[in-house]
Structure formats: C-alpha cells, structure tokens
Amino acid sequence: MKKQFIVAVTVSAVLGISAFASNASAASGKRLFMTCTACHGKDGKSPIMPAYPKIAGQNKEYVLQQVKDIMSGKRANGQSMAMKGVLVTPTGEPRFSDEDLNVLADYVSKLAP
C-alpha cells in the first residue's frame, strides 16, 4: 500500500512537472516550488507523511545540497527515491537546471518556518 502511494505521488508529480520545469529566468521560485507541494505541503511545513521533512525556512545551501544528493543517488531511501523520480528523468537526465535549483532553494529558505 505504501509503495503504491509513493508510486502514485511520483507519477502525479512527474506528469505535472512539465508545466513547472522551465528555466529560472521564466519561472519564479514560487512556481518551481509547486512541484514540491505534493509531498511537503503548500506551505513547506505540512508534509503529507510524518517521514517527509518540513522544508520551509531551511538554509538555502542545505536545501540545495539535499536536492543534489538525492539527484545523484548519494542520499537514497524510500522518501528520497520518490523525490528523485520528480527531479531526474528515467534515463538519468536532470529535469531542472542548476539555476532552477538555486532559485528553488532560495525560495524555500525564505518561507516562514
């Protein structure tokens, strides 16, 4: 059941990602953050599962490093595998540019914790 839930969330996020994955000059951090709300909540502090972290107000560099570690496979567990499916294509190509990730991390860091 939990596995089906993770798959469903991942598929939903992947299907919606094309609307949000554009270069950072065309998309604000808020728009990029919409991809994160499926798991972390619309405010970044009300995740859908207790195991998912509250990310609002986290340090920008910390957020950026966590995302990069998940994308590279350095950080791998049940929750991060679902997130990796949102961040990386099945062939391993990043869905977001470095600029997008910087804009997103900056936005998350400025959310009220």
PDB file of N, CA and C in Angstrom:
ATOM      1  N   MET A   1       0.822  -1.190   0.000  1.00  0.00           N
ATOM      2  CA  MET A   1       0.000   0.000   0.000  1.00  0.00           C
ATOM      3  C   MET A   1       0.870   1.260   0.000  1.00  0.00           C
ATOM      4  N   LYS A   2       1.886   1.278   0.898  1.00  0.00           N
ATOM      5  CA  LYS A   2       2.775   2.439   0.959  1.00  0.00           C
ATOM      6  C   LYS A   2       3.512   2.600  -0.366  1.00  0.00           C
ATOM      7  N   LYS A   3       3.924   1.473  -0.947  1.00  0.00           N
ATOM      8  CA  LYS A   3       4.642   1.513  -2.222  1.00  0.00           C
ATOM      9  C   LYS A   3       3.740   2.097  -3.314  1.00  0.00           C
ATOM     10  N   GLN A   4       2.484   1.692  -3.326  1.00  0.00           N
ATOM     11  CA  GLN A   4       1.537   2.207  -4.315  1.00  0.00           C
ATOM     12  C   GLN A   4       1.337   3.712  -4.136  1.00  0.00           C
ATOM     13  N   PHE A   5       1.309   4.154  -2.880  1.00  0.00           N
ATOM     14  CA  PHE A   5       1.145   5.576  -2.602  1.00  0.00           C
ATOM     15  C   PHE A   5       2.328   6.364  -3.144  1.00  0.00           C
ATOM     16  N   ILE A   6       3.537   5.883  -2.874  1.00  0.00           N
ATOM     17  CA  ILE A   6       4.746   6.561  -3.352  1.00  0.00           C
ATOM     18  C   ILE A   6       4.754   6.611  -4.873  1.00  0.00           C
ATOM     19  N   VAL A   7       4.382   5.507  -5.510  1.00  0.00           N
ATOM     20  CA  VAL A   7       4.330   5.473  -6.976  1.00  0.00           C
ATOM     21  C   VAL A   7       3.294   6.476  -7.483  1.00  0.00           C
ATOM     22  N   ALA A   8       2.133   6.519  -6.840  1.00  0.00           N
ATOM     23  CA  ALA A   8       1.080   7.440  -7.272  1.00  0.00           C
ATOM     24  C   ALA A   8       1.522   8.897  -7.147  1.00  0.00           C
ATOM     25  N   VAL A   9       2.165   9.231  -6.034  1.00  0.00           N
ATOM     26  CA  VAL A   9       2.646  10.602  -5.838  1.00  0.00           C
ATOM     27  C   VAL A   9       3.705  10.943  -6.876  1.00  0.00           C
ATOM     28  N   THR A  10       4.621  10.008  -7.109  1.00  0.00           N
ATOM     29  CA  THR A  10       5.693  10.245  -8.079  1.00  0.00           C
ATOM     30  C   THR A  10       5.124  10.451  -9.474  1.00  0.00           C
ATOM     31  N   VAL A  11       4.199   9.592  -9.877  1.00  0.00           N
ATOM     32  CA  VAL A  11       3.598   9.709 -11.209  1.00  0.00           C
ATOM     33  C   VAL A  11       2.860  11.040 -11.336  1.00  0.00           C
ATOM     34  N   SER A  12       2.116  11.419 -10.305  1.00  0.00           N
ATOM     35  CA  SER A  12       1.398  12.695 -10.347  1.00  0.00           C
ATOM     36  C   SER A  12       2.353  13.868 -10.495  1.00  0.00           C
ATOM     37  N   ALA A  13       3.427  13.828  -9.734  1.00  0.00           N
ATOM     38  CA  ALA A  13       4.402  14.920  -9.803  1.00  0.00           C
ATOM     39  C   ALA A  13       5.089  14.961 -11.158  1.00  0.00           C
ATOM     40  N   VAL A  14       5.442  13.786 -11.689  1.00  0.00           N
ATOM     41  CA  VAL A  14       6.129  13.738 -12.982  1.00  0.00           C
ATOM     42  C   VAL A  14       5.221  14.258 -14.088  1.00  0.00           C
ATOM     43  N   LEU A  15       3.948  13.892 -14.039  1.00  0.00           N
ATOM     44  CA  LEU A  15       3.020  14.364 -15.063  1.00  0.00           C
ATOM     45  C   LEU A  15       2.842  15.880 -14.999  1.00  0.00           C
ATOM     46  N   GLY A  16       2.883  16.430 -13.806  1.00  0.00           N
ATOM     47  CA  GLY A  16       2.709  17.868 -13.666  1.00  0.00           C
ATOM     48  C   GLY A  16       3.983  18.669 -13.821  1.00  0.00           C
ATOM     49  N   ILE A  17       5.095  17.991 -13.840  1.00  0.00           N
ATOM     50  CA  ILE A  17       6.383  18.698 -13.824  1.00  0.00           C
ATOM     51  C   ILE A  17       6.640  19.514 -15.084  1.00  0.00           C
ATOM     52  N   SER A  18       6.149  19.068 -16.213  1.00  0.00           N
ATOM     53  CA  SER A  18       6.442  19.797 -17.447  1.00  0.00           C
ATOM     54  C   SER A  18       5.894  21.222 -17.404  1.00  0.00           C
ATOM     55  N   ALA A  19       4.825  21.422 -16.648  1.00  0.00           N
ATOM     56  CA  ALA A  19       4.263  22.763 -16.524  1.00  0.00           C
ATOM     57  C   ALA A  19       5.147  23.677 -15.681  1.00  0.00           C
ATOM     58  N   PHE A  20       6.006  23.084 -14.848  1.00  0.00           N
ATOM     59  CA  PHE A  20       6.788  23.883 -13.918  1.00  0.00           C
ATOM     60  C   PHE A  20       8.283  23.877 -14.186  1.00  0.00           C
ATOM     61  N   ALA A  21       8.777  22.933 -14.971  1.00  0.00           N
ATOM     62  CA  ALA A  21      10.224  22.823 -15.191  1.00  0.00           C
ATOM     63  C   ALA A  21      10.641  23.653 -16.396  1.00  0.00           C
ATOM     64  N   SER A  22      10.821  24.906 -16.184  1.00  0.00           N
ATOM     65  CA  SER A  22      11.326  25.783 -17.229  1.00  0.00           C
ATOM     66  C   SER A  22      12.540  26.488 -16.656  1.00  0.00           C
ATOM     67  N   ASN A  23      13.269  27.221 -17.480  1.00  0.00           N
ATOM     68  CA  ASN A  23      14.467  27.841 -16.909  1.00  0.00           C
ATOM     69  C   ASN A  23      14.091  28.909 -15.898  1.00  0.00           C
ATOM     70  N   ALA A  24      15.018  29.164 -14.986  1.00  0.00           N
ATOM     71  CA  ALA A  24      14.738  30.027 -13.838  1.00  0.00           C
ATOM     72  C   ALA A  24      14.372  31.443 -14.236  1.00  0.00           C
ATOM     73  N   SER A  25      14.853  31.912 -15.382  1.00  0.00           N
ATOM     74  CA  SER A  25      14.516  33.275 -15.794  1.00  0.00           C
ATOM     75  C   SER A  25      13.038  33.401 -16.117  1.00  0.00           C
ATOM     76  N   ALA A  26      12.394  32.310 -16.474  1.00  0.00           N
ATOM     77  CA  ALA A  26      10.981  32.343 -16.825  1.00  0.00           C
ATOM     78  C   ALA A  26      10.089  31.865 -15.686  1.00  0.00           C
ATOM     79  N   ALA A  27      10.683  31.283 -14.650  1.00  0.00           N
ATOM     80  CA  ALA A  27       9.870  30.730 -13.564  1.00  0.00           C
ATOM     81  C   ALA A  27      10.389  31.200 -12.215  1.00  0.00           C
ATOM     82  N   SER A  28       9.521  31.701 -11.412  1.00  0.00           N
ATOM     83  CA  SER A  28       9.921  32.154 -10.083  1.00  0.00           C
ATOM     84  C   SER A  28      10.075  30.958  -9.158  1.00  0.00           C
ATOM     85  N   GLY A  29      10.688  31.185  -8.029  1.00  0.00           N
ATOM     86  CA  GLY A  29      10.829  30.125  -7.033  1.00  0.00           C
ATOM     87  C   GLY A  29       9.475  29.586  -6.607  1.00  0.00           C
ATOM     88  N   LYS A  30       8.501  30.462  -6.521  1.00  0.00           N
ATOM     89  CA  LYS A  30       7.161  30.017  -6.113  1.00  0.00           C
ATOM     90  C   LYS A  30       6.595  29.020  -7.112  1.00  0.00           C
ATOM     91  N   ARG A  31       6.776  29.313  -8.371  1.00  0.00           N
ATOM     92  CA  ARG A  31       6.260  28.411  -9.402  1.00  0.00           C
ATOM     93  C   ARG A  31       7.008  27.075  -9.368  1.00  0.00           C
ATOM     94  N   LEU A  32       8.318  27.123  -9.220  1.00  0.00           N
ATOM     95  CA  LEU A  32       9.094  25.889  -9.111  1.00  0.00           C
ATOM     96  C   LEU A  32       8.691  25.103  -7.866  1.00  0.00           C
ATOM     97  N   PHE A  33       8.395  25.811  -6.785  1.00  0.00           N
ATOM     98  CA  PHE A  33       8.016  25.172  -5.526  1.00  0.00           C
ATOM     99  C   PHE A  33       6.718  24.381  -5.649  1.00  0.00           C
ATOM    100  N   MET A  34       5.869  24.726  -6.590  1.00  0.00           N
ATOM    101  CA  MET A  34       4.611  23.995  -6.774  1.00  0.00           C
ATOM    102  C   MET A  34       4.864  22.500  -6.960  1.00  0.00           C
ATOM    103  N   THR A  35       5.993  22.138  -7.532  1.00  0.00           N
ATOM    104  CA  THR A  35       6.349  20.731  -7.704  1.00  0.00           C
ATOM    105  C   THR A  35       6.557  20.060  -6.347  1.00  0.00           C
ATOM    106  N   CYS A  36       7.011  20.800  -5.371  1.00  0.00           N
ATOM    107  CA  CYS A  36       7.339  20.260  -4.044  1.00  0.00           C
ATOM    108  C   CYS A  36       6.109  20.092  -3.156  1.00  0.00           C
ATOM    109  N   THR A  37       5.050  20.829  -3.457  1.00  0.00           N
ATOM    110  CA  THR A  37       3.895  20.867  -2.564  1.00  0.00           C
ATOM    111  C   THR A  37       3.161  19.538  -2.458  1.00  0.00           C
ATOM    112  N   ALA A  38       3.282  18.682  -3.448  1.00  0.00           N
ATOM    113  CA  ALA A  38       2.598  17.390  -3.402  1.00  0.00           C
ATOM    114  C   ALA A  38       3.023  16.578  -2.181  1.00  0.00           C
ATOM    115  N   CYS A  39       4.263  16.724  -1.757  1.00  0.00           N
ATOM    116  CA  CYS A  39       4.766  15.966  -0.604  1.00  0.00           C
ATOM    117  C   CYS A  39       5.007  16.839   0.627  1.00  0.00           C
ATOM    118  N   HIS A  40       5.503  18.052   0.424  1.00  0.00           N
ATOM    119  CA  HIS A  40       5.911  18.898   1.547  1.00  0.00           C
ATOM    120  C   HIS A  40       4.837  19.884   1.985  1.00  0.00           C
ATOM    121  N   GLY A  41       3.706  19.902   1.293  1.00  0.00           N
ATOM    122  CA  GLY A  41       2.610  20.795   1.644  1.00  0.00           C
ATOM    123  C   GLY A  41       2.743  22.150   0.971  1.00  0.00           C
ATOM    124  N   LYS A  42       1.618  22.829   0.822  1.00  0.00           N
ATOM    125  CA  LYS A  42       1.618  24.096   0.089  1.00  0.00           C
ATOM    126  C   LYS A  42       2.439  25.182   0.769  1.00  0.00           C
ATOM    127  N   ASP A  43       2.707  25.006   2.060  1.00  0.00           N
ATOM    128  CA  ASP A  43       3.493  25.996   2.792  1.00  0.00           C
ATOM    129  C   ASP A  43       4.902  25.503   3.123  1.00  0.00           C
ATOM    130  N   GLY A  44       5.216  24.262   2.739  1.00  0.00           N
ATOM    131  CA  GLY A  44       6.530  23.701   3.027  1.00  0.00           C
ATOM    132  C   GLY A  44       6.691  23.216   4.452  1.00  0.00           C
ATOM    133  N   LYS A  45       5.626  23.313   5.230  1.00  0.00           N
ATOM    134  CA  LYS A  45       5.704  22.880   6.624  1.00  0.00           C
ATOM    135  C   LYS A  45       4.553  21.970   7.039  1.00  0.00           C
ATOM    136  N   SER A  46       3.853  21.428   6.064  1.00  0.00           N
ATOM    137  CA  SER A  46       2.773  20.485   6.366  1.00  0.00           C
ATOM    138  C   SER A  46       2.865  19.297   5.403  1.00  0.00           C
ATOM    139  N   PRO A  47       3.922  18.466   5.577  1.00  0.00           N
ATOM    140  CA  PRO A  47       4.111  17.326   4.679  1.00  0.00           C
ATOM    141  C   PRO A  47       2.965  16.326   4.779  1.00  0.00           C
ATOM    142  N   ILE A  48       2.764  15.573   3.699  1.00  0.00           N
ATOM    143  CA  ILE A  48       1.656  14.622   3.650  1.00  0.00           C
ATOM    144  C   ILE A  48       1.903  13.384   4.496  1.00  0.00           C
ATOM    145  N   MET A  49       3.154  13.110   4.822  1.00  0.00           N
ATOM    146  CA  MET A  49       3.507  11.966   5.666  1.00  0.00           C
ATOM    147  C   MET A  49       4.493  12.446   6.728  1.00  0.00           C
ATOM    148  N   PRO A  50       4.409  11.881   7.938  1.00  0.00           N
ATOM    149  CA  PRO A  50       5.324  12.306   9.004  1.00  0.00           C
ATOM    150  C   PRO A  50       6.803  12.136   8.655  1.00  0.00           C
ATOM    151  N   ALA A  51       7.130  11.181   7.811  1.00  0.00           N
ATOM    152  CA  ALA A  51       8.533  10.932   7.451  1.00  0.00           C
ATOM    153  C   ALA A  51       9.093  11.996   6.506  1.00  0.00           C
ATOM    154  N   TYR A  52       8.229  12.752   5.852  1.00  0.00           N
ATOM    155  CA  TYR A  52       8.701  13.790   4.940  1.00  0.00           C
ATOM    156  C   TYR A  52       9.067  15.034   5.751  1.00  0.00           C
ATOM    157  N   PRO A  53      10.167  15.678   5.419  1.00  0.00           N
ATOM    158  CA  PRO A  53      10.600  16.826   6.226  1.00  0.00           C
ATOM    159  C   PRO A  53       9.800  18.099   5.952  1.00  0.00           C
ATOM    160  N   LYS A  54       9.758  18.930   6.971  1.00  0.00           N
ATOM    161  CA  LYS A  54       9.256  20.294   6.821  1.00  0.00           C
ATOM    162  C   LYS A  54      10.431  21.074   6.252  1.00  0.00           C
ATOM    163  N   ILE A  55      10.249  21.687   5.100  1.00  0.00           N
ATOM    164  CA  ILE A  55      11.380  22.332   4.429  1.00  0.00           C
ATOM    165  C   ILE A  55      11.344  23.853   4.489  1.00  0.00           C
ATOM    166  N   ALA A  56      10.226  24.416   4.896  1.00  0.00           N
ATOM    167  CA  ALA A  56      10.108  25.880   4.955  1.00  0.00           C
ATOM    168  C   ALA A  56      11.158  26.466   5.889  1.00  0.00           C
ATOM    169  N   GLY A  57      11.866  27.477   5.398  1.00  0.00           N
ATOM    170  CA  GLY A  57      12.842  28.180   6.214  1.00  0.00           C
ATOM    171  C   GLY A  57      14.190  27.496   6.366  1.00  0.00           C
ATOM    172  N   GLN A  58      14.371  26.359   5.701  1.00  0.00           N
ATOM    173  CA  GLN A  58      15.666  25.668   5.776  1.00  0.00           C
ATOM    174  C   GLN A  58      16.744  26.522   5.114  1.00  0.00           C
ATOM    175  N   ASN A  59      17.968  26.352   5.545  1.00  0.00           N
ATOM    176  CA  ASN A  59      19.112  27.041   4.962  1.00  0.00           C
ATOM    177  C   ASN A  59      19.208  26.728   3.472  1.00  0.00           C
ATOM    178  N   LYS A  60      19.417  27.761   2.658  1.00  0.00           N
ATOM    179  CA  LYS A  60      19.459  27.598   1.199  1.00  0.00           C
ATOM    180  C   LYS A  60      20.488  26.561   0.766  1.00  0.00           C
ATOM    181  N   GLU A  61      21.690  26.650   1.291  1.00  0.00           N
ATOM    182  CA  GLU A  61      22.753  25.712   0.891  1.00  0.00           C
ATOM    183  C   GLU A  61      22.422  24.288   1.309  1.00  0.00           C
ATOM    184  N   TYR A  62      21.779  24.129   2.455  1.00  0.00           N
ATOM    185  CA  TYR A  62      21.369  22.804   2.924  1.00  0.00           C
ATOM    186  C   TYR A  62      20.339  22.203   1.966  1.00  0.00           C
ATOM    187  N   VAL A  63      19.335  22.995   1.618  1.00  0.00           N
ATOM    188  CA  VAL A  63      18.301  22.523   0.683  1.00  0.00           C
ATOM    189  C   VAL A  63      18.937  22.123  -0.642  1.00  0.00           C
ATOM    190  N   LEU A  64      19.791  22.966  -1.153  1.00  0.00           N
ATOM    191  CA  LEU A  64      20.449  22.701  -2.432  1.00  0.00           C
ATOM    192  C   LEU A  64      21.273  21.419  -2.366  1.00  0.00           C
ATOM    193  N   GLN A  65      22.013  21.227  -1.282  1.00  0.00           N
ATOM    194  CA  GLN A  65      22.837  20.023  -1.149  1.00  0.00           C
ATOM    195  C   GLN A  65      21.973  18.772  -1.040  1.00  0.00           C
ATOM    196  N   GLN A  66      20.871  18.840  -0.304  1.00  0.00           N
ATOM    197  CA  GLN A  66      19.987  17.682  -0.176  1.00  0.00           C
ATOM    198  C   GLN A  66      19.412  17.291  -1.538  1.00  0.00           C
ATOM    199  N   VAL A  67      18.977  18.283  -2.293  1.00  0.00           N
ATOM    200  CA  VAL A  67      18.418  18.017  -3.623  1.00  0.00           C
ATOM    201  C   VAL A  67      19.480  17.388  -4.527  1.00  0.00           C
ATOM    202  N   LYS A  68      20.678  17.941  -4.512  1.00  0.00           N
ATOM    203  CA  LYS A  68      21.753  17.393  -5.351  1.00  0.00           C
ATOM    204  C   LYS A  68      22.123  15.975  -4.926  1.00  0.00           C
ATOM    205  N   ASP A  69      22.145  15.708  -3.615  1.00  0.00           N
ATOM    206  CA  ASP A  69      22.452  14.356  -3.131  1.00  0.00           C
ATOM    207  C   ASP A  69      21.376  13.359  -3.552  1.00  0.00           C
ATOM    208  N   ILE A  70      20.131  13.786  -3.541  1.00  0.00           N
ATOM    209  CA  ILE A  70      19.044  12.909  -3.984  1.00  0.00           C
ATOM    210  C   ILE A  70      19.157  12.657  -5.483  1.00  0.00           C
ATOM    211  N   MET A  71      19.434  13.697  -6.244  1.00  0.00           N
ATOM    212  CA  MET A  71      19.562  13.546  -7.698  1.00  0.00           C
ATOM    213  C   MET A  71      20.705  12.604  -8.075  1.00  0.00           C
ATOM    214  N   SER A  72      21.792  12.672  -7.340  1.00  0.00           N
ATOM    215  CA  SER A  72      22.966  11.849  -7.666  1.00  0.00           C
ATOM    216  C   SER A  72      22.855  10.428  -7.135  1.00  0.00           C
ATOM    217  N   GLY A  73      21.920  10.194  -6.213  1.00  0.00           N
ATOM    218  CA  GLY A  73      21.795   8.876  -5.601  1.00  0.00           C
ATOM    219  C   GLY A  73      22.600   8.740  -4.324  1.00  0.00           C
ATOM    220  N   LYS A  74      23.323   9.781  -3.944  1.00  0.00           N
ATOM    221  CA  LYS A  74      24.115   9.755  -2.712  1.00  0.00           C
ATOM    222  C   LYS A  74      23.207   9.589  -1.493  1.00  0.00           C
ATOM    223  N   ARG A  75      22.053  10.197  -1.551  1.00  0.00           N
ATOM    224  CA  ARG A  75      21.055  10.053  -0.488  1.00  0.00           C
ATOM    225  C   ARG A  75      19.913   9.230  -1.069  1.00  0.00           C
ATOM    226  N   ALA A  76      19.740   8.022  -0.539  1.00  0.00           N
ATOM    227  CA  ALA A  76      18.716   7.135  -1.103  1.00  0.00           C
ATOM    228  C   ALA A  76      17.977   6.397   0.009  1.00  0.00           C
ATOM    229  N   ASN A  77      16.684   6.624   0.084  1.00  0.00           N
ATOM    230  CA  ASN A  77      15.782   5.876   0.955  1.00  0.00           C
ATOM    231  C   ASN A  77      14.404   5.939   0.305  1.00  0.00           C
ATOM    232  N   GLY A  78      13.401   5.395   0.944  1.00  0.00           N
ATOM    233  CA  GLY A  78      12.070   5.355   0.340  1.00  0.00           C
ATOM    234  C   GLY A  78      11.538   6.711  -0.067  1.00  0.00           C
ATOM    235  N   GLN A  79      11.681   7.688   0.817  1.00  0.00           N
ATOM    236  CA  GLN A  79      11.163   9.018   0.518  1.00  0.00           C
ATOM    237  C   GLN A  79      11.988   9.708  -0.569  1.00  0.00           C
ATOM    238  N   SER A  80      13.299   9.589  -0.482  1.00  0.00           N
ATOM    239  CA  SER A  80      14.137  10.284  -1.462  1.00  0.00           C
ATOM    240  C   SER A  80      14.036   9.657  -2.845  1.00  0.00           C
ATOM    241  N   MET A  81      13.713   8.372  -2.912  1.00  0.00           N
ATOM    242  CA  MET A  81      13.565   7.735  -4.225  1.00  0.00           C
ATOM    243  C   MET A  81      12.364   8.316  -4.968  1.00  0.00           C
ATOM    244  N   ALA A  82      11.294   8.609  -4.241  1.00  0.00           N
ATOM    245  CA  ALA A  82      10.137   9.246  -4.881  1.00  0.00           C
ATOM    246  C   ALA A  82      10.519  10.639  -5.376  1.00  0.00           C
ATOM    247  N   MET A  83      11.286  11.367  -4.561  1.00  0.00           N
ATOM    248  CA  MET A  83      11.712  12.709  -4.963  1.00  0.00           C
ATOM    249  C   MET A  83      12.656  12.646  -6.157  1.00  0.00           C
ATOM    250  N   LYS A  84      13.512  11.637  -6.194  1.00  0.00           N
ATOM    251  CA  LYS A  84      14.433  11.503  -7.323  1.00  0.00           C
ATOM    252  C   LYS A  84      13.647  11.345  -8.624  1.00  0.00           C
ATOM    253  N   GLY A  85      12.523  10.623  -8.568  1.00  0.00           N
ATOM    254  CA  GLY A  85      11.690  10.455  -9.749  1.00  0.00           C
ATOM    255  C   GLY A  85      11.127  11.766 -10.268  1.00  0.00           C
ATOM    256  N   VAL A  86      10.981  12.736  -9.387  1.00  0.00           N
ATOM    257  CA  VAL A  86      10.497  14.058  -9.780  1.00  0.00           C
ATOM    258  C   VAL A  86      11.634  14.903 -10.352  1.00  0.00           C
ATOM    259  N   LEU A  87      12.829  14.722  -9.801  1.00  0.00           N
ATOM    260  CA  LEU A  87      13.975  15.558 -10.165  1.00  0.00           C
ATOM    261  C   LEU A  87      14.750  15.086 -11.384  1.00  0.00           C
ATOM    262  N   VAL A  88      14.680  13.780 -11.671  1.00  0.00           N
ATOM    263  CA  VAL A  88      15.513  13.182 -12.715  1.00  0.00           C
ATOM    264  C   VAL A  88      14.640  12.321 -13.625  1.00  0.00           C
ATOM    265  N   THR A  89      14.893  12.350 -14.924  1.00  0.00           N
ATOM    266  CA  THR A  89      14.147  11.512 -15.869  1.00  0.00           C
ATOM    267  C   THR A  89      14.534  10.047 -15.677  1.00  0.00           C
ATOM    268  N   PRO A  90      13.756   9.109 -16.221  1.00  0.00           N
ATOM    269  CA  PRO A  90      14.116   7.692 -16.121  1.00  0.00           C
ATOM    270  C   PRO A  90      15.490   7.372 -16.722  1.00  0.00           C
ATOM    271  N   THR A  91      15.951   8.205 -17.641  1.00  0.00           N
ATOM    272  CA  THR A  91      17.272   7.975 -18.238  1.00  0.00           C
ATOM    273  C   THR A  91      18.386   8.686 -17.468  1.00  0.00           C
ATOM    274  N   GLY A  92      18.031   9.353 -16.359  1.00  0.00           N
ATOM    275  CA  GLY A  92      19.033   9.987 -15.518  1.00  0.00           C
ATOM    276  C   GLY A  92      19.322  11.444 -15.809  1.00  0.00           C
ATOM    277  N   GLU A  93      18.583  12.036 -16.727  1.00  0.00           N
ATOM    278  CA  GLU A  93      18.792  13.452 -17.060  1.00  0.00           C
ATOM    279  C   GLU A  93      18.057  14.337 -16.050  1.00  0.00           C
ATOM    280  N   PRO A  94      18.695  15.402 -15.574  1.00  0.00           N
ATOM    281  CA  PRO A  94      18.015  16.309 -14.639  1.00  0.00           C
ATOM    282  C   PRO A  94      16.836  17.013 -15.309  1.00  0.00           C
ATOM    283  N   ARG A  95      15.755  17.137 -14.571  1.00  0.00           N
ATOM    284  CA  ARG A  95      14.580  17.853 -15.077  1.00  0.00           C
ATOM    285  C   ARG A  95      14.697  19.358 -14.814  1.00  0.00           C
ATOM    286  N   PHE A  96      15.589  19.741 -13.903  1.00  0.00           N
ATOM    287  CA  PHE A  96      15.771  21.141 -13.534  1.00  0.00           C
ATOM    288  C   PHE A  96      17.217  21.542 -13.768  1.00  0.00           C
ATOM    289  N   SER A  97      17.416  22.773 -14.183  1.00  0.00           N
ATOM    290  CA  SER A  97      18.776  23.295 -14.356  1.00  0.00           C
ATOM    291  C   SER A  97      19.347  23.672 -12.987  1.00  0.00           C
ATOM    292  N   ASP A  98      20.656  23.898 -12.936  1.00  0.00           N
ATOM    293  CA  ASP A  98      21.286  24.376 -11.702  1.00  0.00           C
ATOM    294  C   ASP A  98      20.683  25.714 -11.280  1.00  0.00           C
ATOM    295  N   GLU A  99      20.389  26.542 -12.261  1.00  0.00           N
ATOM    296  CA  GLU A  99      19.777  27.843 -11.971  1.00  0.00           C
ATOM    297  C   GLU A  99      18.401  27.658 -11.336  1.00  0.00           C
ATOM    298  N   ASP A 100      17.601  26.728 -11.880  1.00  0.00           N
ATOM    299  CA  ASP A 100      16.289  26.431 -11.298  1.00  0.00           C
ATOM    300  C   ASP A 100      16.436  26.000  -9.841  1.00  0.00           C
ATOM    301  N   LEU A 101      17.391  25.105  -9.587  1.00  0.00           N
ATOM    302  CA  LEU A 101      17.587  24.583  -8.234  1.00  0.00           C
ATOM    303  C   LEU A 101      18.006  25.688  -7.272  1.00  0.00           C
ATOM    304  N   ASN A 102      18.839  26.603  -7.729  1.00  0.00           N
ATOM    305  CA  ASN A 102      19.239  27.736  -6.890  1.00  0.00           C
ATOM    306  C   ASN A 102      18.054  28.636  -6.564  1.00  0.00           C
ATOM    307  N   VAL A 103      17.235  28.916  -7.568  1.00  0.00           N
ATOM    308  CA  VAL A 103      16.046  29.749  -7.361  1.00  0.00           C
ATOM    309  C   VAL A 103      15.090  29.055  -6.394  1.00  0.00           C
ATOM    310  N   LEU A 104      14.896  27.766  -6.570  1.00  0.00           N
ATOM    311  CA  LEU A 104      14.013  26.997  -5.699  1.00  0.00           C
ATOM    312  C   LEU A 104      14.534  26.981  -4.260  1.00  0.00           C
ATOM    313  N   ALA A 105      15.812  26.679  -4.079  1.00  0.00           N
ATOM    314  CA  ALA A 105      16.397  26.633  -2.730  1.00  0.00           C
ATOM    315  C   ALA A 105      16.291  27.997  -2.047  1.00  0.00           C
ATOM    316  N   ASP A 106      16.495  29.053  -2.803  1.00  0.00           N
ATOM    317  CA  ASP A 106      16.373  30.400  -2.254  1.00  0.00           C
ATOM    318  C   ASP A 106      14.940  30.658  -1.801  1.00  0.00           C
ATOM    319  N   TYR A 107      13.982  30.260  -2.612  1.00  0.00           N
ATOM    320  CA  TYR A 107      12.567  30.449  -2.270  1.00  0.00           C
ATOM    321  C   TYR A 107      12.216  29.687  -0.993  1.00  0.00           C
ATOM    322  N   VAL A 108      12.612  28.418  -0.921  1.00  0.00           N
ATOM    323  CA  VAL A 108      12.315  27.581   0.248  1.00  0.00           C
ATOM    324  C   VAL A 108      12.927  28.198   1.508  1.00  0.00           C
ATOM    325  N   SER A 109      14.135  28.705   1.380  1.00  0.00           N
ATOM    326  CA  SER A 109      14.815  29.281   2.553  1.00  0.00           C
ATOM    327  C   SER A 109      14.097  30.520   3.088  1.00  0.00           C
ATOM    328  N   LYS A 110      13.324  31.169   2.253  1.00  0.00           N
ATOM    329  CA  LYS A 110      12.626  32.393   2.660  1.00  0.00           C
ATOM    330  C   LYS A 110      11.194  32.149   3.130  1.00  0.00           C
ATOM    331  N   LEU A 111      10.726  30.902   3.049  1.00  0.00           N
ATOM    332  CA  LEU A 111       9.397  30.582   3.563  1.00  0.00           C
ATOM    333  C   LEU A 111       9.421  30.637   5.088  1.00  0.00           C
ATOM    334  N   ALA A 112       8.329  31.055   5.687  1.00  0.00           N
ATOM    335  CA  ALA A 112       8.259  31.099   7.150  1.00  0.00           C
ATOM    336  C   ALA A 112       8.266  29.677   7.706  1.00  0.00           C
ATOM    337  N   PRO A 113       9.170  29.404   8.647  1.00  0.00           N
ATOM    338  CA  PRO A 113       9.228  28.039   9.228  1.00  0.00           C
ATOM    339  C   PRO A 113       8.028  27.736  10.106  1.00  0.00           C
TER     340      PRO A 113
END
